[in-house]
C-alpha cells in the first residue's frame, strides 16, 4: 500500500502522478486555483472526516502551491 498522503496508489495509475499531469495541462492560474481549492477542501473537512490525515493532505497542496508561486515569480 502506498503513502495515502504523498503518493496514493490511485494517483499513480497509468505511470504518471496526477499532479504532474495537471501541472502540464492547466494554465499557471488554473493550477494555482486547483491547489488552493484542495487546501480549502481538506481544511474544511478535517474535523468531520479525515482528521490529521486531511491536514497533511492540505499541507501537501499548500507546499505545491508555494513551489508553483515561487517558480512563476522567478
N, C-alpha and C. Protein backbone atom coordinates (compact mmCIF):
# COMPACT_ATOMS: atom_id res chain seq x y z
N UNK A 1 0.85 -1.19 0.00
CA UNK A 1 0.00 0.00 0.00
C UNK A 1 0.88 1.24 0.00
N UNK A 2 0.53 2.23 -0.83
CA UNK A 2 1.32 3.45 -0.92
C UNK A 2 1.05 4.40 0.22
N UNK A 3 1.72 5.52 0.16
CA UNK A 3 1.54 6.59 1.14
C UNK A 3 0.24 7.32 0.82
N UNK A 4 -0.78 7.26 1.69
CA UNK A 4 -2.07 7.87 1.37
C UNK A 4 -2.06 9.40 1.33
N UNK A 5 -0.99 10.01 1.79
CA UNK A 5 -0.91 11.47 1.77
C UNK A 5 -0.06 11.96 0.60
N UNK A 6 1.15 11.45 0.47
CA UNK A 6 2.09 11.97 -0.51
C UNK A 6 2.05 11.28 -1.86
N UNK A 7 1.63 10.04 -1.90
CA UNK A 7 1.61 9.32 -3.17
C UNK A 7 0.62 8.17 -3.12
N UNK A 8 -0.67 8.48 -3.08
CA UNK A 8 -1.68 7.42 -3.05
C UNK A 8 -1.58 6.54 -4.30
N UNK A 9 -1.77 5.26 -4.13
CA UNK A 9 -1.66 4.33 -5.25
C UNK A 9 -2.55 4.74 -6.42
N UNK A 10 -3.77 5.18 -6.14
CA UNK A 10 -4.70 5.51 -7.21
C UNK A 10 -4.31 6.79 -7.96
N UNK A 11 -3.37 7.56 -7.45
CA UNK A 11 -2.91 8.76 -8.15
C UNK A 11 -1.75 8.48 -9.10
N UNK A 12 -1.20 7.28 -9.07
CA UNK A 12 -0.08 6.96 -9.95
C UNK A 12 -0.45 5.92 -11.01
N UNK A 13 -1.70 5.52 -11.05
CA UNK A 13 -2.14 4.56 -12.07
C UNK A 13 -1.92 5.18 -13.44
N UNK A 14 -1.40 4.40 -14.35
CA UNK A 14 -1.13 4.90 -15.69
C UNK A 14 0.29 5.42 -15.86
N UNK A 15 1.10 5.32 -14.80
CA UNK A 15 2.51 5.66 -14.93
C UNK A 15 2.87 7.12 -14.73
N UNK A 16 1.92 7.96 -14.38
CA UNK A 16 2.23 9.37 -14.15
C UNK A 16 1.45 9.85 -12.92
N UNK A 17 2.11 10.63 -12.10
CA UNK A 17 1.43 11.23 -10.95
C UNK A 17 0.37 12.20 -11.48
N UNK A 18 -0.79 12.14 -10.90
CA UNK A 18 -1.89 13.02 -11.33
C UNK A 18 -1.49 14.49 -11.24
N UNK A 19 -0.77 14.88 -10.20
CA UNK A 19 -0.39 16.28 -10.04
C UNK A 19 0.52 16.74 -11.17
N UNK A 20 1.38 15.85 -11.67
CA UNK A 20 2.26 16.20 -12.78
C UNK A 20 1.47 16.39 -14.08
N UNK A 21 0.47 15.54 -14.26
CA UNK A 21 -0.40 15.68 -15.43
C UNK A 21 -1.16 17.01 -15.37
N UNK A 22 -1.72 17.33 -14.19
CA UNK A 22 -2.45 18.59 -14.04
C UNK A 22 -1.55 19.79 -14.25
N UNK A 23 -0.34 19.72 -13.72
CA UNK A 23 0.62 20.81 -13.89
C UNK A 23 0.90 21.06 -15.37
N UNK A 24 0.96 19.97 -16.14
CA UNK A 24 1.25 20.09 -17.56
C UNK A 24 0.06 20.60 -18.37
N UNK A 25 -1.14 20.29 -17.94
CA UNK A 25 -2.33 20.61 -18.73
C UNK A 25 -3.03 21.90 -18.35
N UNK A 26 -2.87 22.36 -17.11
CA UNK A 26 -3.55 23.57 -16.66
C UNK A 26 -2.67 24.79 -16.87
N UNK A 27 -3.30 25.93 -17.03
CA UNK A 27 -2.54 27.18 -17.08
C UNK A 27 -1.99 27.45 -15.68
N UNK A 28 -1.01 28.33 -15.55
CA UNK A 28 -0.49 28.64 -14.21
C UNK A 28 -1.59 29.11 -13.25
N UNK A 29 -2.51 29.91 -13.73
CA UNK A 29 -3.58 30.39 -12.87
C UNK A 29 -4.53 29.25 -12.48
N UNK A 30 -4.84 28.39 -13.43
CA UNK A 30 -5.71 27.26 -13.14
C UNK A 30 -5.07 26.31 -12.13
N UNK A 31 -3.78 26.04 -12.30
CA UNK A 31 -3.09 25.15 -11.37
C UNK A 31 -3.08 25.73 -9.96
N UNK A 32 -2.81 27.03 -9.84
CA UNK A 32 -2.82 27.68 -8.52
C UNK A 32 -4.21 27.56 -7.90
N UNK A 33 -5.26 27.77 -8.68
CA UNK A 33 -6.62 27.65 -8.18
C UNK A 33 -6.95 26.24 -7.75
N UNK A 34 -6.47 25.26 -8.50
CA UNK A 34 -6.67 23.85 -8.15
C UNK A 34 -6.05 23.56 -6.79
N UNK A 35 -4.82 24.00 -6.61
CA UNK A 35 -4.14 23.77 -5.32
C UNK A 35 -4.86 24.48 -4.18
N UNK A 36 -5.22 25.74 -4.38
CA UNK A 36 -5.94 26.50 -3.34
C UNK A 36 -7.25 25.82 -2.98
N UNK A 37 -7.98 25.37 -3.99
CA UNK A 37 -9.25 24.70 -3.74
C UNK A 37 -9.08 23.44 -2.91
N UNK A 38 -8.04 22.68 -3.19
CA UNK A 38 -7.80 21.46 -2.42
C UNK A 38 -7.35 21.75 -1.00
N UNK A 39 -6.56 22.80 -0.82
CA UNK A 39 -6.19 23.21 0.55
C UNK A 39 -7.47 23.51 1.34
N UNK A 40 -8.35 24.30 0.76
CA UNK A 40 -9.60 24.65 1.43
C UNK A 40 -10.46 23.42 1.70
N UNK A 41 -10.53 22.53 0.73
CA UNK A 41 -11.34 21.31 0.90
C UNK A 41 -10.85 20.49 2.08
N UNK A 42 -9.56 20.23 2.13
CA UNK A 42 -9.03 19.38 3.21
C UNK A 42 -9.10 20.07 4.57
N UNK A 43 -8.88 21.37 4.61
CA UNK A 43 -9.01 22.08 5.87
C UNK A 43 -10.46 22.10 6.35
N UNK A 44 -11.38 22.26 5.42
CA UNK A 44 -12.79 22.35 5.78
C UNK A 44 -13.35 21.05 6.32
N UNK A 45 -12.85 19.94 5.85
CA UNK A 45 -13.43 18.66 6.25
C UNK A 45 -12.67 17.92 7.33
N UNK A 46 -11.52 18.43 7.74
CA UNK A 46 -10.65 17.67 8.65
C UNK A 46 -11.33 17.29 9.96
N UNK A 47 -12.17 18.13 10.50
CA UNK A 47 -12.82 17.82 11.77
C UNK A 47 -13.95 16.81 11.65
N UNK A 48 -14.46 16.62 10.45
CA UNK A 48 -15.60 15.73 10.25
C UNK A 48 -15.28 14.47 9.46
N UNK A 49 -14.10 14.41 8.88
CA UNK A 49 -13.82 13.25 8.04
C UNK A 49 -12.44 12.66 8.31
N UNK A 50 -11.39 13.33 7.82
CA UNK A 50 -10.07 12.70 7.79
C UNK A 50 -9.11 13.08 8.89
N UNK A 51 -9.48 14.02 9.74
CA UNK A 51 -8.62 14.40 10.85
C UNK A 51 -7.24 14.85 10.43
N UNK A 52 -6.24 14.33 11.10
CA UNK A 52 -4.84 14.73 10.85
C UNK A 52 -4.43 14.39 9.42
N UNK A 53 -4.91 13.28 8.89
CA UNK A 53 -4.55 12.94 7.50
C UNK A 53 -5.01 14.02 6.53
N UNK A 54 -6.20 14.58 6.74
CA UNK A 54 -6.66 15.68 5.89
C UNK A 54 -5.79 16.92 6.06
N UNK A 55 -5.33 17.19 7.27
CA UNK A 55 -4.42 18.32 7.48
C UNK A 55 -3.12 18.11 6.74
N UNK A 56 -2.62 16.89 6.73
CA UNK A 56 -1.39 16.58 6.00
C UNK A 56 -1.60 16.73 4.49
N UNK A 57 -2.77 16.33 4.01
CA UNK A 57 -3.07 16.50 2.59
C UNK A 57 -3.15 17.98 2.23
N UNK A 58 -3.76 18.78 3.10
CA UNK A 58 -3.81 20.23 2.87
C UNK A 58 -2.40 20.80 2.79
N UNK A 59 -1.52 20.32 3.66
CA UNK A 59 -0.14 20.79 3.67
C UNK A 59 0.57 20.45 2.36
N UNK A 60 0.31 19.26 1.82
CA UNK A 60 0.92 18.86 0.54
C UNK A 60 0.49 19.83 -0.56
N UNK A 61 -0.81 20.11 -0.63
CA UNK A 61 -1.29 21.03 -1.66
C UNK A 61 -0.77 22.45 -1.43
N UNK A 62 -0.65 22.86 -0.18
CA UNK A 62 -0.11 24.18 0.11
C UNK A 62 1.36 24.26 -0.30
N UNK A 63 2.12 23.20 -0.04
CA UNK A 63 3.52 23.17 -0.48
C UNK A 63 3.62 23.25 -2.00
N UNK A 64 2.76 22.52 -2.71
CA UNK A 64 2.76 22.59 -4.17
C UNK A 64 2.42 23.99 -4.65
N UNK A 65 1.47 24.63 -3.99
CA UNK A 65 1.09 26.00 -4.36
C UNK A 65 2.25 26.96 -4.11
N UNK A 66 2.93 26.83 -3.00
CA UNK A 66 4.08 27.69 -2.70
C UNK A 66 5.17 27.49 -3.74
N UNK A 67 5.50 26.24 -4.04
CA UNK A 67 6.53 25.96 -5.05
C UNK A 67 6.14 26.54 -6.40
N UNK A 68 4.88 26.40 -6.76
CA UNK A 68 4.37 26.93 -8.03
C UNK A 68 4.51 28.45 -8.07
N UNK A 69 4.08 29.11 -7.00
CA UNK A 69 4.16 30.57 -6.95
C UNK A 69 5.60 31.06 -7.01
N UNK A 70 6.49 30.34 -6.35
CA UNK A 70 7.91 30.72 -6.40
C UNK A 70 8.46 30.57 -7.81
N UNK A 71 8.07 29.55 -8.54
CA UNK A 71 8.52 29.35 -9.92
C UNK A 71 7.94 30.41 -10.86
N UNK A 72 6.68 30.74 -10.66
CA UNK A 72 6.01 31.71 -11.54
C UNK A 72 6.60 33.10 -11.37
N UNK A 73 7.00 33.44 -10.15
CA UNK A 73 7.51 34.79 -9.87
C UNK A 73 8.97 34.97 -10.26
N UNK A 74 9.66 33.87 -10.59
CA UNK A 74 11.08 34.00 -10.95
C UNK A 74 11.27 34.06 -12.44
